[in-house]
Amino acid sequence: MGKDSMTEVYISVDIESAGPIPGKYSMLALGACEVGQTDKQFYIEIQPINDLFVPEAMNVIGRPLSDFEKSGVNAAAAMQKFVNWIDQVGHKRTPVFVGFNGTFDWSFVNWYFHTYLKSNPFGFGGIDIKSYYMGLSGSSWKDTRSSRIPADFKGNSPHTHNALDDAIEQAQMFELMRNQARLLNAESP
């Protein structure tokens, strides 16, 4: 990695939720890993904050809300465990949030951090892999869908709708894109 690897740690984050917006709907699972070192992983299931859900969201997850009531930890404890992991994996580097369709995942993570811990260790922004790919490739927005991104930018981790599996998949994708961007920058006059 470049100089940034000494001061920043890129953390791929994926969440599963009961619906489209935080506060009204619950974040049910959160997975994360370090980009470039995907064996440094975090996964937690979170108890719902209420009984609201969108059936389509639960179908994607493949489990009922009641499973998370039983298997999950309360939201404040979950976010504290996540911030502890970020501190541990970061080794005093600045954590940078990375997500595929990052605005969705970011909105839940940010809301939960501010609601339960009063601050977000990622600050107020992050990297959206879809936007990164759009800039790298010059593609249209519709071509940033995972199904349309070339295999050259996909690792070997499957997309399962398990938050950790998908965080690993995203980390591999982002690392491949960054490597391509470095090559293009090295070739530029």
C-alpha atoms as a PDB file:
ATOM      1  CA  MET A   1       0.000   0.000   0.000  1.00  0.00           C
ATOM      2  CA  GLY A   2       0.999   3.650  -0.241  1.00  0.00           C
ATOM      3  CA  LYS A   3       1.761   6.282   2.356  1.00  0.00           C
ATOM      4  CA  ASP A   4      -1.910   6.381   3.359  1.00  0.00           C
ATOM      5  CA  SER A   5      -1.624   2.884   4.851  1.00  0.00           C
ATOM      6  CA  MET A   6       0.504   4.378   7.602  1.00  0.00           C
ATOM      7  CA  THR A   7      -2.101   6.977   8.626  1.00  0.00           C
ATOM      8  CA  GLU A   8      -5.443   5.515   7.489  1.00  0.00           C
ATOM      9  CA  VAL A   9      -7.175   2.170   7.833  1.00  0.00           C
ATOM     10  CA  TYR A  10      -9.879   1.379   5.277  1.00  0.00           C
ATOM     11  CA  ILE A  11     -12.715  -0.584   6.843  1.00  0.00           C
ATOM     12  CA  SER A  12     -15.281  -2.276   4.628  1.00  0.00           C
ATOM     13  CA  VAL A  13     -18.687  -2.215   6.324  1.00  0.00           C
ATOM     14  CA  ASP A  14     -21.942  -3.916   5.385  1.00  0.00           C
ATOM     15  CA  ILE A  15     -25.218  -3.990   7.269  1.00  0.00           C
ATOM     16  CA  GLU A  16     -28.505  -5.833   7.055  1.00  0.00           C
ATOM     17  CA  SER A  17     -31.620  -3.961   8.123  1.00  0.00           C
ATOM     18  CA  ALA A  18     -35.334  -4.373   8.611  1.00  0.00           C
ATOM     19  CA  GLY A  19     -36.109  -1.519   6.224  1.00  0.00           C
ATOM     20  CA  PRO A  20     -34.771   1.408   4.189  1.00  0.00           C
ATOM     21  CA  ILE A  21     -34.094   4.109   6.798  1.00  0.00           C
ATOM     22  CA  PRO A  22     -32.456   4.207  10.235  1.00  0.00           C
ATOM     23  CA  GLY A  23     -34.464   5.221  13.270  1.00  0.00           C
ATOM     24  CA  LYS A  24     -37.699   3.927  11.855  1.00  0.00           C
ATOM     25  CA  TYR A  25     -36.225   0.507  10.990  1.00  0.00           C
ATOM     26  CA  SER A  26     -33.579  -1.530  12.791  1.00  0.00           C
ATOM     27  CA  MET A  27     -30.048  -2.407  11.798  1.00  0.00           C
ATOM     28  CA  LEU A  28     -29.996  -6.154  12.463  1.00  0.00           C
ATOM     29  CA  ALA A  29     -26.461  -7.215  11.553  1.00  0.00           C
ATOM     30  CA  LEU A  30     -23.179  -5.430  10.982  1.00  0.00           C
ATOM     31  CA  GLY A  31     -20.082  -6.919   9.392  1.00  0.00           C
ATOM     32  CA  ALA A  32     -16.713  -5.296   8.811  1.00  0.00           C
ATOM     33  CA  CYS A  33     -13.176  -6.146   7.803  1.00  0.00           C
ATOM     34  CA  GLU A  34      -9.984  -4.318   7.048  1.00  0.00           C
ATOM     35  CA  VAL A  35      -9.410  -3.704   3.344  1.00  0.00           C
ATOM     36  CA  GLY A  36      -6.240  -5.526   2.387  1.00  0.00           C
ATOM     37  CA  GLN A  37      -6.383  -7.767   5.450  1.00  0.00           C
ATOM     38  CA  THR A  38      -9.828  -9.323   5.332  1.00  0.00           C
ATOM     39  CA  ASP A  39      -8.922 -11.802   8.070  1.00  0.00           C
ATOM     40  CA  LYS A  40      -9.300  -8.870  10.485  1.00  0.00           C
ATOM     41  CA  GLN A  41     -13.063  -9.179  10.876  1.00  0.00           C
ATOM     42  CA  PHE A  42     -15.987  -8.013  12.970  1.00  0.00           C
ATOM     43  CA  TYR A  43     -19.542  -9.368  12.999  1.00  0.00           C
ATOM     44  CA  ILE A  44     -22.432  -8.728  15.335  1.00  0.00           C
ATOM     45  CA  GLU A  45     -26.186  -9.228  15.324  1.00  0.00           C
ATOM     46  CA  ILE A  46     -28.278  -6.497  16.916  1.00  0.00           C
ATOM     47  CA  GLN A  47     -31.631  -6.636  18.662  1.00  0.00           C
ATOM     48  CA  PRO A  48     -34.339  -4.694  16.840  1.00  0.00           C
ATOM     49  CA  ILE A  49     -35.142  -1.253  18.255  1.00  0.00           C
ATOM     50  CA  ASN A  50     -38.842  -1.785  17.433  1.00  0.00           C
ATOM     51  CA  ASP A  51     -41.181  -4.222  15.651  1.00  0.00           C
ATOM     52  CA  LEU A  52     -41.257  -2.435  12.285  1.00  0.00           C
ATOM     53  CA  PHE A  53     -39.993  -4.201   9.176  1.00  0.00           C
ATOM     54  CA  VAL A  54     -40.426  -4.302   5.430  1.00  0.00           C
ATOM     55  CA  PRO A  55     -41.231  -7.868   4.303  1.00  0.00           C
ATOM     56  CA  GLU A  56     -38.927  -7.591   1.270  1.00  0.00           C
ATOM     57  CA  ALA A  57     -35.995  -6.625   3.526  1.00  0.00           C
ATOM     58  CA  MET A  58     -36.563  -9.637   5.751  1.00  0.00           C
ATOM     59  CA  ASN A  59     -36.840 -11.874   2.683  1.00  0.00           C
ATOM     60  CA  VAL A  60     -33.399 -10.678   1.549  1.00  0.00           C
ATOM     61  CA  ILE A  61     -31.950 -11.508   4.972  1.00  0.00           C
ATOM     62  CA  GLY A  62     -33.759 -14.848   4.995  1.00  0.00           C
ATOM     63  CA  ARG A  63     -34.593 -14.743   8.696  1.00  0.00           C
ATOM     64  CA  PRO A  64     -37.473 -13.313  10.734  1.00  0.00           C
ATOM     65  CA  LEU A  65     -37.105 -10.307  13.030  1.00  0.00           C
ATOM     66  CA  SER A  66     -37.652 -12.613  16.021  1.00  0.00           C
ATOM     67  CA  ASP A  67     -34.317 -14.361  15.294  1.00  0.00           C
ATOM     68  CA  PHE A  68     -32.488 -11.089  15.910  1.00  0.00           C
ATOM     69  CA  GLU A  69     -34.444 -10.468  19.116  1.00  0.00           C
ATOM     70  CA  LYS A  70     -32.975 -13.745  20.401  1.00  0.00           C
ATOM     71  CA  SER A  71     -29.473 -13.732  18.858  1.00  0.00           C
ATOM     72  CA  GLY A  72     -28.739 -10.006  18.901  1.00  0.00           C
ATOM     73  CA  VAL A  73     -27.193  -7.780  21.522  1.00  0.00           C
ATOM     74  CA  ASN A  74     -28.662  -4.412  22.414  1.00  0.00           C
ATOM     75  CA  ALA A  75     -27.757  -1.578  20.071  1.00  0.00           C
ATOM     76  CA  ALA A  76     -25.588   0.403  22.513  1.00  0.00           C
ATOM     77  CA  ALA A  77     -23.489  -2.650  23.387  1.00  0.00           C
ATOM     78  CA  ALA A  78     -23.183  -3.594  19.710  1.00  0.00           C
ATOM     79  CA  MET A  79     -21.900  -0.160  18.724  1.00  0.00           C
ATOM     80  CA  GLN A  80     -19.469  -0.105  21.652  1.00  0.00           C
ATOM     81  CA  LYS A  81     -18.077  -3.490  20.546  1.00  0.00           C
ATOM     82  CA  PHE A  82     -17.726  -2.137  17.015  1.00  0.00           C
ATOM     83  CA  VAL A  83     -15.871   0.997  18.114  1.00  0.00           C
ATOM     84  CA  ASN A  84     -13.581  -1.146  20.294  1.00  0.00           C
ATOM     85  CA  TRP A  85     -12.793  -3.333  17.274  1.00  0.00           C
ATOM     86  CA  ILE A  86     -12.163  -0.258  15.094  1.00  0.00           C
ATOM     87  CA  ASP A  87      -9.716   1.066  17.709  1.00  0.00           C
ATOM     88  CA  GLN A  88      -7.954  -2.296  17.915  1.00  0.00           C
ATOM     89  CA  VAL A  89      -7.608  -2.850  14.162  1.00  0.00           C
ATOM     90  CA  GLY A  90      -6.773   0.792  13.537  1.00  0.00           C
ATOM     91  CA  HIS A  91      -3.607   0.929  15.635  1.00  0.00           C
ATOM     92  CA  LYS A  92      -4.013   4.729  15.943  1.00  0.00           C
ATOM     93  CA  ARG A  93      -4.652   5.136  12.199  1.00  0.00           C
ATOM     94  CA  THR A  94      -7.662   7.137  11.046  1.00  0.00           C
ATOM     95  CA  PRO A  95     -10.563   4.762  10.257  1.00  0.00           C
ATOM     96  CA  VAL A  96     -12.158   5.305   6.843  1.00  0.00           C
ATOM     97  CA  PHE A  97     -15.609   3.825   6.166  1.00  0.00           C
ATOM     98  CA  VAL A  98     -15.879   1.899   2.866  1.00  0.00           C
ATOM     99  CA  GLY A  99     -19.178   0.532   1.575  1.00  0.00           C
ATOM    100  CA  PHE A 100     -20.842  -0.682  -1.607  1.00  0.00           C
ATOM    101  CA  ASN A 101     -23.821   1.604  -1.947  1.00  0.00           C
ATOM    102  CA  GLY A 102     -22.145   3.263   1.000  1.00  0.00           C
ATOM    103  CA  THR A 103     -24.850   5.864   1.508  1.00  0.00           C
ATOM    104  CA  PHE A 104     -27.269   3.161   2.643  1.00  0.00           C
ATOM    105  CA  ASP A 105     -24.929   1.369   5.051  1.00  0.00           C
ATOM    106  CA  TRP A 106     -23.404   4.667   6.204  1.00  0.00           C
ATOM    107  CA  SER A 107     -26.797   6.087   7.152  1.00  0.00           C
ATOM    108  CA  PHE A 108     -27.496   3.227   9.570  1.00  0.00           C
ATOM    109  CA  VAL A 109     -23.986   3.076  11.041  1.00  0.00           C
ATOM    110  CA  ASN A 110     -23.863   6.853  11.506  1.00  0.00           C
ATOM    111  CA  TRP A 111     -27.343   6.992  13.069  1.00  0.00           C
ATOM    112  CA  TYR A 112     -26.562   4.127  15.466  1.00  0.00           C
ATOM    113  CA  PHE A 113     -23.198   5.598  16.496  1.00  0.00           C
ATOM    114  CA  HIS A 114     -24.691   9.022  17.187  1.00  0.00           C
ATOM    115  CA  THR A 115     -27.819   7.671  18.867  1.00  0.00           C
ATOM    116  CA  TYR A 116     -26.063   5.204  21.163  1.00  0.00           C
ATOM    117  CA  LEU A 117     -22.481   6.494  21.571  1.00  0.00           C
ATOM    118  CA  LYS A 118     -22.907  10.206  20.730  1.00  0.00           C
ATOM    119  CA  SER A 119     -20.098  10.152  18.118  1.00  0.00           C
ATOM    120  CA  ASN A 120     -18.963   8.296  15.013  1.00  0.00           C
ATOM    121  CA  PRO A 121     -15.308   7.166  14.849  1.00  0.00           C
ATOM    122  CA  PHE A 122     -15.475   7.447  11.042  1.00  0.00           C
ATOM    123  CA  GLY A 123     -16.206  11.168  11.288  1.00  0.00           C
ATOM    124  CA  PHE A 124     -18.801  12.456   8.865  1.00  0.00           C
ATOM    125  CA  GLY A 125     -18.001  10.694   5.608  1.00  0.00           C
ATOM    126  CA  GLY A 126     -16.819   7.587   3.874  1.00  0.00           C
ATOM    127  CA  ILE A 127     -16.010   6.013   0.526  1.00  0.00           C
ATOM    128  CA  ASP A 128     -18.771   4.648  -1.674  1.00  0.00           C
ATOM    129  CA  ILE A 129     -17.351   1.883  -3.897  1.00  0.00           C
ATOM    130  CA  LYS A 130     -20.019   2.456  -6.554  1.00  0.00           C
ATOM    131  CA  SER A 131     -18.976   6.094  -6.908  1.00  0.00           C
ATOM    132  CA  TYR A 132     -15.307   5.114  -6.837  1.00  0.00           C
ATOM    133  CA  TYR A 133     -15.915   2.667  -9.680  1.00  0.00           C
ATOM    134  CA  MET A 134     -17.875   5.260 -11.647  1.00  0.00           C
ATOM    135  CA  GLY A 135     -14.936   7.667 -11.429  1.00  0.00           C
ATOM    136  CA  LEU A 136     -12.386   4.960 -12.228  1.00  0.00           C
ATOM    137  CA  SER A 137     -14.236   3.558 -15.228  1.00  0.00           C
ATOM    138  CA  GLY A 138     -16.161   6.546 -16.527  1.00  0.00           C
ATOM    139  CA  SER A 139     -19.301   4.391 -16.411  1.00  0.00           C
ATOM    140  CA  SER A 140     -22.875   5.537 -15.958  1.00  0.00           C
ATOM    141  CA  TRP A 141     -24.538   5.177 -12.573  1.00  0.00           C
ATOM    142  CA  LYS A 142     -26.663   2.228 -13.774  1.00  0.00           C
ATOM    143  CA  ASP A 143     -23.433   0.397 -14.655  1.00  0.00           C
ATOM    144  CA  THR A 144     -22.226   0.554 -11.049  1.00  0.00           C
ATOM    145  CA  ARG A 145     -24.540  -2.285 -10.066  1.00  0.00           C
ATOM    146  CA  SER A 146     -22.567  -5.242  -8.758  1.00  0.00           C
ATOM    147  CA  SER A 147     -23.897  -7.439 -11.562  1.00  0.00           C
ATOM    148  CA  ARG A 148     -22.453  -5.038 -14.155  1.00  0.00           C
ATOM    149  CA  ILE A 149     -19.010  -4.507 -12.636  1.00  0.00           C
ATOM    150  CA  PRO A 150     -16.402  -6.573 -14.524  1.00  0.00           C
ATOM    151  CA  ALA A 151     -14.997  -9.733 -12.950  1.00  0.00           C
ATOM    152  CA  ASP A 152     -11.550  -8.070 -12.895  1.00  0.00           C
ATOM    153  CA  PHE A 153     -12.830  -6.025  -9.964  1.00  0.00           C
ATOM    154  CA  LYS A 154     -14.395  -8.884  -8.034  1.00  0.00           C
ATOM    155  CA  GLY A 155     -12.625 -11.084  -5.525  1.00  0.00           C
ATOM    156  CA  ASN A 156     -13.473 -14.646  -4.624  1.00  0.00           C
ATOM    157  CA  SER A 157     -15.895 -13.910  -1.788  1.00  0.00           C
ATOM    158  CA  PRO A 158     -19.587 -14.522  -2.651  1.00  0.00           C
ATOM    159  CA  HIS A 159     -22.440 -12.074  -2.078  1.00  0.00           C
ATOM    160  CA  THR A 160     -24.660 -13.856   0.475  1.00  0.00           C
ATOM    161  CA  HIS A 161     -26.540 -11.072   2.306  1.00  0.00           C
ATOM    162  CA  ASN A 162     -24.586 -12.001   5.415  1.00  0.00           C
ATOM    163  CA  ALA A 163     -23.090  -8.719   6.596  1.00  0.00           C
ATOM    164  CA  LEU A 164     -19.586 -10.145   7.146  1.00  0.00           C
ATOM    165  CA  ASP A 165     -19.486 -12.093   3.875  1.00  0.00           C
ATOM    166  CA  ASP A 166     -20.581  -8.999   1.986  1.00  0.00           C
ATOM    167  CA  ALA A 167     -18.086  -6.745   3.806  1.00  0.00           C
ATOM    168  CA  ILE A 168     -15.308  -9.131   2.712  1.00  0.00           C
ATOM    169  CA  GLU A 169     -16.614  -9.137  -0.863  1.00  0.00           C
ATOM    170  CA  GLN A 170     -16.666  -5.330  -0.864  1.00  0.00           C
ATOM    171  CA  ALA A 171     -13.161  -5.091   0.608  1.00  0.00           C
ATOM    172  CA  GLN A 172     -11.791  -7.318  -2.158  1.00  0.00           C
ATOM    173  CA  MET A 173     -13.605  -5.270  -4.783  1.00  0.00           C
ATOM    174  CA  PHE A 174     -12.308  -1.969  -3.410  1.00  0.00           C
ATOM    175  CA  GLU A 175      -8.735  -3.269  -3.162  1.00  0.00           C
ATOM    176  CA  LEU A 176      -8.801  -4.416  -6.802  1.00  0.00           C
ATOM    177  CA  MET A 177     -10.172  -1.036  -7.906  1.00  0.00           C
ATOM    178  CA  ARG A 178      -7.528   0.858  -5.913  1.00  0.00           C
ATOM    179  CA  ASN A 179      -4.798  -1.285  -7.439  1.00  0.00           C
ATOM    180  CA  GLN A 180      -6.111  -0.451 -10.914  1.00  0.00           C
ATOM    181  CA  ALA A 181      -6.252   3.253 -10.041  1.00  0.00           C
ATOM    182  CA  ARG A 182      -2.620   3.125  -8.851  1.00  0.00           C
ATOM    183  CA  LEU A 183      -1.563   1.493 -12.128  1.00  0.00           C
ATOM    184  CA  LEU A 184      -3.369   4.148 -14.140  1.00  0.00           C
ATOM    185  CA  ASN A 185      -1.768   6.907 -12.055  1.00  0.00           C
ATOM    186  CA  ALA A 186       1.688   5.372 -12.492  1.00  0.00           C
ATOM    187  CA  GLU A 187       1.192   5.291 -16.277  1.00  0.00           C
ATOM    188  CA  SER A 188       0.045   8.917 -16.450  1.00  0.00           C
ATOM    189  CA  PRO A 189       2.654  11.467 -17.567  1.00  0.00           C
END
